[in-house]
PDB file of N, CA and C in Angstrom:
ATOM      1  N   MET A   1     148.658  25.128 -32.538  1.00  0.00           N
ATOM      2  CA  MET A   1     148.849  24.760 -33.933  1.00  0.00           C
ATOM      3  C   MET A   1     147.775  23.764 -34.384  1.00  0.00           C
ATOM      4  N   GLU A   2     147.397  22.846 -33.515  1.00  0.00           N
ATOM      5  CA  GLU A   2     146.384  21.861 -33.893  1.00  0.00           C
ATOM      6  C   GLU A   2     145.061  22.533 -34.229  1.00  0.00           C
ATOM      7  N   LYS A   3     144.735  23.612 -33.514  1.00  0.00           N
ATOM      8  CA  LYS A   3     143.498  24.345 -33.798  1.00  0.00           C
ATOM      9  C   LYS A   3     143.557  24.955 -35.197  1.00  0.00           C
ATOM     10  N   LEU A   4     144.704  25.514 -35.551  1.00  0.00           N
ATOM     11  CA  LEU A   4     144.889  26.090 -36.879  1.00  0.00           C
ATOM     12  C   LEU A   4     144.746  25.003 -37.949  1.00  0.00           C
ATOM     13  N   GLU A   5     145.353  23.858 -37.719  1.00  0.00           N
ATOM     14  CA  GLU A   5     145.226  22.731 -38.651  1.00  0.00           C
ATOM     15  C   GLU A   5     143.762  22.329 -38.806  1.00  0.00           C
ATOM     16  N   SER A   6     143.041  22.288 -37.709  1.00  0.00           N
ATOM     17  CA  SER A   6     141.639  21.897 -37.737  1.00  0.00           C
ATOM     18  C   SER A   6     140.806  22.871 -38.568  1.00  0.00           C
ATOM     19  N   VAL A   7     141.063  24.157 -38.411  1.00  0.00           N
ATOM     20  CA  VAL A   7     140.336  25.170 -39.186  1.00  0.00           C
ATOM     21  C   VAL A   7     140.653  25.017 -40.672  1.00  0.00           C
ATOM     22  N   ILE A   8     141.917  24.796 -40.997  1.00  0.00           N
ATOM     23  CA  ILE A   8     142.316  24.627 -42.396  1.00  0.00           C
ATOM     24  C   ILE A   8     141.669  23.371 -42.981  1.00  0.00           C
ATOM     25  N   ILE A   9     141.648  22.294 -42.221  1.00  0.00           N
ATOM     26  CA  ILE A   9     140.996  21.061 -42.676  1.00  0.00           C
ATOM     27  C   ILE A   9     139.527  21.326 -42.981  1.00  0.00           C
ATOM     28  N   ASP A  10     138.845  22.036 -42.095  1.00  0.00           N
ATOM     29  CA  ASP A  10     137.439  22.378 -42.330  1.00  0.00           C
ATOM     30  C   ASP A  10     137.284  23.192 -43.613  1.00  0.00           C
ATOM     31  N   MET A  11     138.181  24.157 -43.807  1.00  0.00           N
ATOM     32  CA  MET A  11     138.119  25.009 -44.996  1.00  0.00           C
ATOM     33  C   MET A  11     138.358  24.204 -46.272  1.00  0.00           C
ATOM     34  N   VAL A  12     139.342  23.312 -46.243  1.00  0.00           N
ATOM     35  CA  VAL A  12     139.638  22.477 -47.413  1.00  0.00           C
ATOM     36  C   VAL A  12     138.434  21.588 -47.729  1.00  0.00           C
ATOM     37  N   ALA A  13     137.891  20.941 -46.722  1.00  0.00           N
ATOM     38  CA  ALA A  13     136.755  20.041 -46.931  1.00  0.00           C
ATOM     39  C   ALA A  13     135.569  20.795 -47.528  1.00  0.00           C
ATOM     40  N   GLU A  14     135.295  21.977 -46.997  1.00  0.00           N
ATOM     41  CA  GLU A  14     134.164  22.763 -47.485  1.00  0.00           C
ATOM     42  C   GLU A  14     134.416  23.288 -48.899  1.00  0.00           C
ATOM     43  N   ARG A  15     135.558  23.911 -49.110  1.00  0.00           N
ATOM     44  CA  ARG A  15     135.855  24.551 -50.401  1.00  0.00           C
ATOM     45  C   ARG A  15     135.926  23.541 -51.546  1.00  0.00           C
ATOM     46  N   PHE A  16     136.540  22.391 -51.288  1.00  0.00           N
ATOM     47  CA  PHE A  16     136.751  21.420 -52.358  1.00  0.00           C
ATOM     48  C   PHE A  16     135.788  20.234 -52.299  1.00  0.00           C
ATOM     49  N   LYS A  17     134.792  20.344 -51.415  1.00  0.00           N
ATOM     50  CA  LYS A  17     133.754  19.320 -51.290  1.00  0.00           C
ATOM     51  C   LYS A  17     134.346  17.913 -51.114  1.00  0.00           C
ATOM     52  N   ILE A  18     135.203  17.822 -50.116  1.00  0.00           N
ATOM     53  CA  ILE A  18     135.854  16.560 -49.766  1.00  0.00           C
ATOM     54  C   ILE A  18     135.374  16.168 -48.373  1.00  0.00           C
ATOM     55  N   GLU A  19     135.101  14.896 -48.166  1.00  0.00           N
ATOM     56  CA  GLU A  19     134.700  14.454 -46.833  1.00  0.00           C
ATOM     57  C   GLU A  19     135.790  14.830 -45.837  1.00  0.00           C
ATOM     58  N   LYS A  20     135.378  15.458 -44.751  1.00  0.00           N
ATOM     59  CA  LYS A  20     136.335  15.946 -43.757  1.00  0.00           C
ATOM     60  C   LYS A  20     137.254  14.837 -43.249  1.00  0.00           C
ATOM     61  N   GLU A  21     136.741  13.633 -43.120  1.00  0.00           N
ATOM     62  CA  GLU A  21     137.529  12.516 -42.608  1.00  0.00           C
ATOM     63  C   GLU A  21     138.697  12.166 -43.533  1.00  0.00           C
ATOM     64  N   LYS A  22     138.581  12.525 -44.800  1.00  0.00           N
ATOM     65  CA  LYS A  22     139.640  12.226 -45.771  1.00  0.00           C
ATOM     66  C   LYS A  22     140.763  13.262 -45.744  1.00  0.00           C
ATOM     67  N   VAL A  23     140.520  14.384 -45.084  1.00  0.00           N
ATOM     68  CA  VAL A  23     141.520  15.454 -45.019  1.00  0.00           C
ATOM     69  C   VAL A  23     142.238  15.361 -43.674  1.00  0.00           C
ATOM     70  N   GLN A  24     143.499  14.995 -43.714  1.00  0.00           N
ATOM     71  CA  GLN A  24     144.317  14.819 -42.512  1.00  0.00           C
ATOM     72  C   GLN A  24     145.446  15.851 -42.498  1.00  0.00           C
ATOM     73  N   PRO A  25     146.059  16.101 -41.344  1.00  0.00           N
ATOM     74  CA  PRO A  25     147.188  17.039 -41.300  1.00  0.00           C
ATOM     75  C   PRO A  25     148.324  16.651 -42.244  1.00  0.00           C
ATOM     76  N   THR A  26     148.433  15.367 -42.547  1.00  0.00           N
ATOM     77  CA  THR A  26     149.506  14.906 -43.433  1.00  0.00           C
ATOM     78  C   THR A  26     149.061  14.780 -44.892  1.00  0.00           C
ATOM     79  N   SER A  27     147.823  15.153 -45.188  1.00  0.00           N
ATOM     80  CA  SER A  27     147.326  15.115 -46.568  1.00  0.00           C
ATOM     81  C   SER A  27     147.907  16.281 -47.356  1.00  0.00           C
ATOM     82  N   THR A  28     148.457  15.978 -48.528  1.00  0.00           N
ATOM     83  CA  THR A  28     148.902  17.061 -49.410  1.00  0.00           C
ATOM     84  C   THR A  28     147.743  17.443 -50.327  1.00  0.00           C
ATOM     85  N   PHE A  29     147.872  18.621 -50.936  1.00  0.00           N
ATOM     86  CA  PHE A  29     146.859  19.019 -51.904  1.00  0.00           C
ATOM     87  C   PHE A  29     146.824  18.017 -53.061  1.00  0.00           C
ATOM     88  N   GLN A  30     147.992  17.503 -53.449  1.00  0.00           N
ATOM     89  CA  GLN A  30     148.046  16.489 -54.512  1.00  0.00           C
ATOM     90  C   GLN A  30     147.289  15.234 -54.101  1.00  0.00           C
ATOM     91  N   ASP A  31     147.479  14.798 -52.858  1.00  0.00           N
ATOM     92  CA  ASP A  31     146.756  13.623 -52.357  1.00  0.00           C
ATOM     93  C   ASP A  31     145.248  13.813 -52.498  1.00  0.00           C
ATOM     94  N   LEU A  32     144.820  15.058 -52.303  1.00  0.00           N
ATOM     95  CA  LEU A  32     143.395  15.383 -52.333  1.00  0.00           C
ATOM     96  C   LEU A  32     142.916  15.750 -53.736  1.00  0.00           C
ATOM     97  N   GLU A  33     143.826  15.610 -54.719  1.00  0.00           N
ATOM     98  CA  GLU A  33     143.532  15.903 -56.124  1.00  0.00           C
ATOM     99  C   GLU A  33     143.127  17.356 -56.343  1.00  0.00           C
ATOM    100  N   ILE A  34     143.849  18.253 -55.670  1.00  0.00           N
ATOM    101  CA  ILE A  34     143.638  19.692 -55.815  1.00  0.00           C
ATOM    102  C   ILE A  34     144.804  20.230 -56.633  1.00  0.00           C
ATOM    103  N   ASP A  35     144.501  20.869 -57.767  1.00  0.00           N
ATOM    104  CA  ASP A  35     145.574  21.316 -58.657  1.00  0.00           C
ATOM    105  C   ASP A  35     146.210  22.621 -58.178  1.00  0.00           C
ATOM    106  N   SER A  36     147.321  22.970 -58.796  1.00  0.00           N
ATOM    107  CA  SER A  36     148.123  24.105 -58.332  1.00  0.00           C
ATOM    108  C   SER A  36     147.383  25.432 -58.437  1.00  0.00           C
ATOM    109  N   LEU A  37     146.566  25.628 -59.461  1.00  0.00           N
ATOM    110  CA  LEU A  37     145.797  26.868 -59.571  1.00  0.00           C
ATOM    111  C   LEU A  37     144.811  26.986 -58.413  1.00  0.00           C
ATOM    112  N   ALA A  38     144.157  25.893 -58.087  1.00  0.00           N
ATOM    113  CA  ALA A  38     143.222  25.894 -56.964  1.00  0.00           C
ATOM    114  C   ALA A  38     143.951  26.161 -55.649  1.00  0.00           C
ATOM    115  N   VAL A  39     145.188  25.687 -55.533  1.00  0.00           N
ATOM    116  CA  VAL A  39     145.985  25.938 -54.327  1.00  0.00           C
ATOM    117  C   VAL A  39     146.269  27.430 -54.190  1.00  0.00           C
ATOM    118  N   VAL A  40     146.618  28.089 -55.299  1.00  0.00           N
ATOM    119  CA  VAL A  40     146.875  29.535 -55.269  1.00  0.00           C
ATOM    120  C   VAL A  40     145.607  30.277 -54.855  1.00  0.00           C
ATOM    121  N   GLU A  41     144.479  29.911 -55.440  1.00  0.00           N
ATOM    122  CA  GLU A  41     143.207  30.539 -55.082  1.00  0.00           C
ATOM    123  C   GLU A  41     142.872  30.294 -53.611  1.00  0.00           C
ATOM    124  N   PHE A  42     143.135  29.099 -53.140  1.00  0.00           N
ATOM    125  CA  PHE A  42     142.871  28.781 -51.737  1.00  0.00           C
ATOM    126  C   PHE A  42     143.781  29.604 -50.828  1.00  0.00           C
ATOM    127  N   GLY A  43     145.011  29.831 -51.257  1.00  0.00           N
ATOM    128  CA  GLY A  43     145.930  30.684 -50.498  1.00  0.00           C
ATOM    129  C   GLY A  43     145.365  32.079 -50.290  1.00  0.00           C
ATOM    130  N   LEU A  44     144.697  32.608 -51.312  1.00  0.00           N
ATOM    131  CA  LEU A  44     144.072  33.925 -51.183  1.00  0.00           C
ATOM    132  C   LEU A  44     142.936  33.886 -50.168  1.00  0.00           C
ATOM    133  N   ARG A  45     142.217  32.794 -50.164  1.00  0.00           N
ATOM    134  CA  ARG A  45     141.138  32.631 -49.178  1.00  0.00           C
ATOM    135  C   ARG A  45     141.709  32.548 -47.756  1.00  0.00           C
ATOM    136  N   LEU A  46     142.826  31.847 -47.611  1.00  0.00           N
ATOM    137  CA  LEU A  46     143.488  31.778 -46.305  1.00  0.00           C
ATOM    138  C   LEU A  46     143.947  33.165 -45.864  1.00  0.00           C
ATOM    139  N   GLN A  47     144.460  33.934 -46.806  1.00  0.00           N
ATOM    140  CA  GLN A  47     144.910  35.296 -46.507  1.00  0.00           C
ATOM    141  C   GLN A  47     143.762  36.126 -45.949  1.00  0.00           C
ATOM    142  N   GLU A  48     142.603  36.050 -46.587  1.00  0.00           N
ATOM    143  CA  GLU A  48     141.433  36.799 -46.129  1.00  0.00           C
ATOM    144  C   GLU A  48     140.944  36.299 -44.773  1.00  0.00           C
ATOM    145  N   THR A  49     140.891  35.004 -44.616  1.00  0.00           N
ATOM    146  CA  THR A  49     140.366  34.415 -43.386  1.00  0.00           C
ATOM    147  C   THR A  49     141.228  34.747 -42.174  1.00  0.00           C
ATOM    148  N   PHE A  50     142.549  34.647 -42.341  1.00  0.00           N
ATOM    149  CA  PHE A  50     143.457  34.824 -41.209  1.00  0.00           C
ATOM    150  C   PHE A  50     144.098  36.203 -41.156  1.00  0.00           C
ATOM    151  N   ASP A  51     143.749  37.059 -42.125  1.00  0.00           N
ATOM    152  CA  ASP A  51     144.245  38.436 -42.163  1.00  0.00           C
ATOM    153  C   ASP A  51     145.770  38.492 -42.084  1.00  0.00           C
ATOM    154  N   VAL A  52     146.411  37.696 -42.934  1.00  0.00           N
ATOM    155  CA  VAL A  52     147.869  37.694 -43.052  1.00  0.00           C
ATOM    156  C   VAL A  52     148.227  37.849 -44.527  1.00  0.00           C
ATOM    157  N   ALA A  53     149.388  38.399 -44.789  1.00  0.00           N
ATOM    158  CA  ALA A  53     149.860  38.551 -46.164  1.00  0.00           C
ATOM    159  C   ALA A  53     150.524  37.259 -46.617  1.00  0.00           C
ATOM    160  N   VAL A  54     150.076  36.745 -47.745  1.00  0.00           N
ATOM    161  CA  VAL A  54     150.695  35.549 -48.311  1.00  0.00           C
ATOM    162  C   VAL A  54     151.163  35.851 -49.728  1.00  0.00           C
ATOM    163  N   GLU A  55     152.209  35.177 -50.122  1.00  0.00           N
ATOM    164  CA  GLU A  55     152.735  35.306 -51.479  1.00  0.00           C
ATOM    165  C   GLU A  55     152.168  34.172 -52.329  1.00  0.00           C
ATOM    166  N   GLU A  56     152.148  34.380 -53.614  1.00  0.00           N
ATOM    167  CA  GLU A  56     151.602  33.385 -54.533  1.00  0.00           C
ATOM    168  C   GLU A  56     152.296  32.031 -54.398  1.00  0.00           C
ATOM    169  N   ASP A  57     153.583  32.054 -54.073  1.00  0.00           N
ATOM    170  CA  ASP A  57     154.335  30.799 -53.987  1.00  0.00           C
ATOM    171  C   ASP A  57     154.484  30.258 -52.561  1.00  0.00           C
ATOM    172  N   ASP A  58     153.734  30.824 -51.598  1.00  0.00           N
ATOM    173  CA  ASP A  58     153.797  30.321 -50.221  1.00  0.00           C
ATOM    174  C   ASP A  58     153.217  28.915 -50.095  1.00  0.00           C
ATOM    175  N   PHE A  59     152.268  28.596 -50.955  1.00  0.00           N
ATOM    176  CA  PHE A  59     151.593  27.304 -50.878  1.00  0.00           C
ATOM    177  C   PHE A  59     151.736  26.584 -52.213  1.00  0.00           C
ATOM    178  N   THR A  60     152.087  25.312 -52.151  1.00  0.00           N
ATOM    179  CA  THR A  60     152.248  24.506 -53.356  1.00  0.00           C
ATOM    180  C   THR A  60     151.440  23.219 -53.226  1.00  0.00           C
ATOM    181  N   ALA A  61     151.186  22.590 -54.352  1.00  0.00           N
ATOM    182  CA  ALA A  61     150.351  21.389 -54.370  1.00  0.00           C
ATOM    183  C   ALA A  61     150.953  20.230 -53.587  1.00  0.00           C
ATOM    184  N   ASP A  62     152.280  20.249 -53.403  1.00  0.00           N
ATOM    185  CA  ASP A  62     152.907  19.139 -52.672  1.00  0.00           C
ATOM    186  C   ASP A  62     152.995  19.377 -51.164  1.00  0.00           C
ATOM    187  N   MET A  63     152.431  20.491 -50.695  1.00  0.00           N
ATOM    188  CA  MET A  63     152.426  20.778 -49.249  1.00  0.00           C
ATOM    189  C   MET A  63     151.290  20.021 -48.576  1.00  0.00           C
ATOM    190  N   ASP A  64     151.541  19.623 -47.328  1.00  0.00           N
ATOM    191  CA  ASP A  64     150.451  19.028 -46.563  1.00  0.00           C
ATOM    192  C   ASP A  64     149.805  20.099 -45.682  1.00  0.00           C
ATOM    193  N   ILE A  65     148.701  19.747 -45.070  1.00  0.00           N
ATOM    194  CA  ILE A  65     147.942  20.694 -44.252  1.00  0.00           C
ATOM    195  C   ILE A  65     148.799  21.226 -43.105  1.00  0.00           C
ATOM    196  N   ARG A  66     149.606  20.373 -42.507  1.00  0.00           N
ATOM    197  CA  ARG A  66     150.478  20.789 -41.405  1.00  0.00           C
ATOM    198  C   ARG A  66     151.458  21.871 -41.874  1.00  0.00           C
ATOM    199  N   ALA A  67     152.016  21.716 -43.067  1.00  0.00           N
ATOM    200  CA  ALA A  67     152.946  22.712 -43.609  1.00  0.00           C
ATOM    201  C   ALA A  67     152.233  24.035 -43.877  1.00  0.00           C
ATOM    202  N   VAL A  68     151.003  23.965 -44.347  1.00  0.00           N
ATOM    203  CA  VAL A  68     150.209  25.180 -44.564  1.00  0.00           C
ATOM    204  C   VAL A  68     150.005  25.891 -43.229  1.00  0.00           C
ATOM    205  N   ALA A  69     149.657  25.133 -42.195  1.00  0.00           N
ATOM    206  CA  ALA A  69     149.472  25.715 -40.864  1.00  0.00           C
ATOM    207  C   ALA A  69     150.770  26.338 -40.359  1.00  0.00           C
ATOM    208  N   ASP A  70     151.900  25.694 -40.626  1.00  0.00           N
ATOM    209  CA  ASP A  70     153.200  26.240 -40.215  1.00  0.00           C
ATOM    210  C   ASP A  70     153.472  27.580 -40.880  1.00  0.00           C
ATOM    211  N   VAL A  71     153.201  27.673 -42.184  1.00  0.00           N
ATOM    212  CA  VAL A  71     153.415  28.928 -42.914  1.00  0.00           C
ATOM    213  C   VAL A  71     152.525  30.022 -42.338  1.00  0.00           C
ATOM    214  N   LEU A  72     151.260  29.704 -42.148  1.00  0.00           N
ATOM    215  CA  LEU A  72     150.331  30.700 -41.613  1.00  0.00           C
ATOM    216  C   LEU A  72     150.717  31.124 -40.201  1.00  0.00           C
ATOM    217  N   SER A  73     151.110  30.179 -39.379  1.00  0.00           N
ATOM    218  CA  SER A  73     151.525  30.482 -38.012  1.00  0.00           C
ATOM    219  C   SER A  73     152.740  31.402 -38.009  1.00  0.00           C
ATOM    220  N   ALA A  74     153.694  31.141 -38.897  1.00  0.00           N
ATOM    221  CA  ALA A  74     154.891  31.980 -38.991  1.00  0.00           C
ATOM    222  C   ALA A  74     154.538  33.403 -39.410  1.00  0.00           C
ATOM    223  N   LYS A  75     153.417  33.558 -40.095  1.00  0.00           N
ATOM    224  CA  LYS A  75     152.976  34.878 -40.537  1.00  0.00           C
ATOM    225  C   LYS A  75     152.064  35.546 -39.507  1.00  0.00           C
ATOM    226  N   GLY A  76     151.850  34.860 -38.386  1.00  0.00           N
ATOM    227  CA  GLY A  76     151.071  35.444 -37.303  1.00  0.00           C
ATOM    228  C   GLY A  76     149.611  35.048 -37.261  1.00  0.00           C
ATOM    229  N   ALA A  77     149.212  34.079 -38.065  1.00  0.00           N
ATOM    230  CA  ALA A  77     147.814  33.643 -38.068  1.00  0.00           C
ATOM    231  C   ALA A  77     147.483  32.909 -36.776  1.00  0.00           C
ATOM    232  N   VAL A  78     146.278  33.159 -36.292  1.00  0.00           N
ATOM    233  CA  VAL A  78     145.794  32.502 -35.084  1.00  0.00           C
ATOM    234  C   VAL A  78     144.375  32.019 -35.357  1.00  0.00           C
ATOM    235  N   ALA A  79     144.086  30.784 -35.013  1.00  0.00           N
ATOM    236  CA  ALA A  79     142.733  30.256 -35.180  1.00  0.00           C
ATOM    237  C   ALA A  79     141.853  30.800 -34.070  1.00  0.00           C
ATOM    238  N   ALA A  80     140.652  31.197 -34.442  1.00  0.00           N
ATOM    239  CA  ALA A  80     139.715  31.771 -33.461  1.00  0.00           C
ATOM    240  C   ALA A  80     139.103  30.692 -32.604  1.00  0.00           C
TER     241      ALA A  80
END
């Protein structure tokens, strides 16, 4: 699970141009000032990256990175 969290942190930092050190497993999208529309778009990117089906409401702005990893893991996502 930690590997999955690490990959998601890298993706968040890159996509939203945030210093990687500021993105922690307990950081929510709100903490990182990422709005709900951007979260939905990011969910689609996660779907493509991890080849899992996600619903529009699987990810919300109040979720932290760990919760995102939990959702993806439950859907069968594995970090390479």
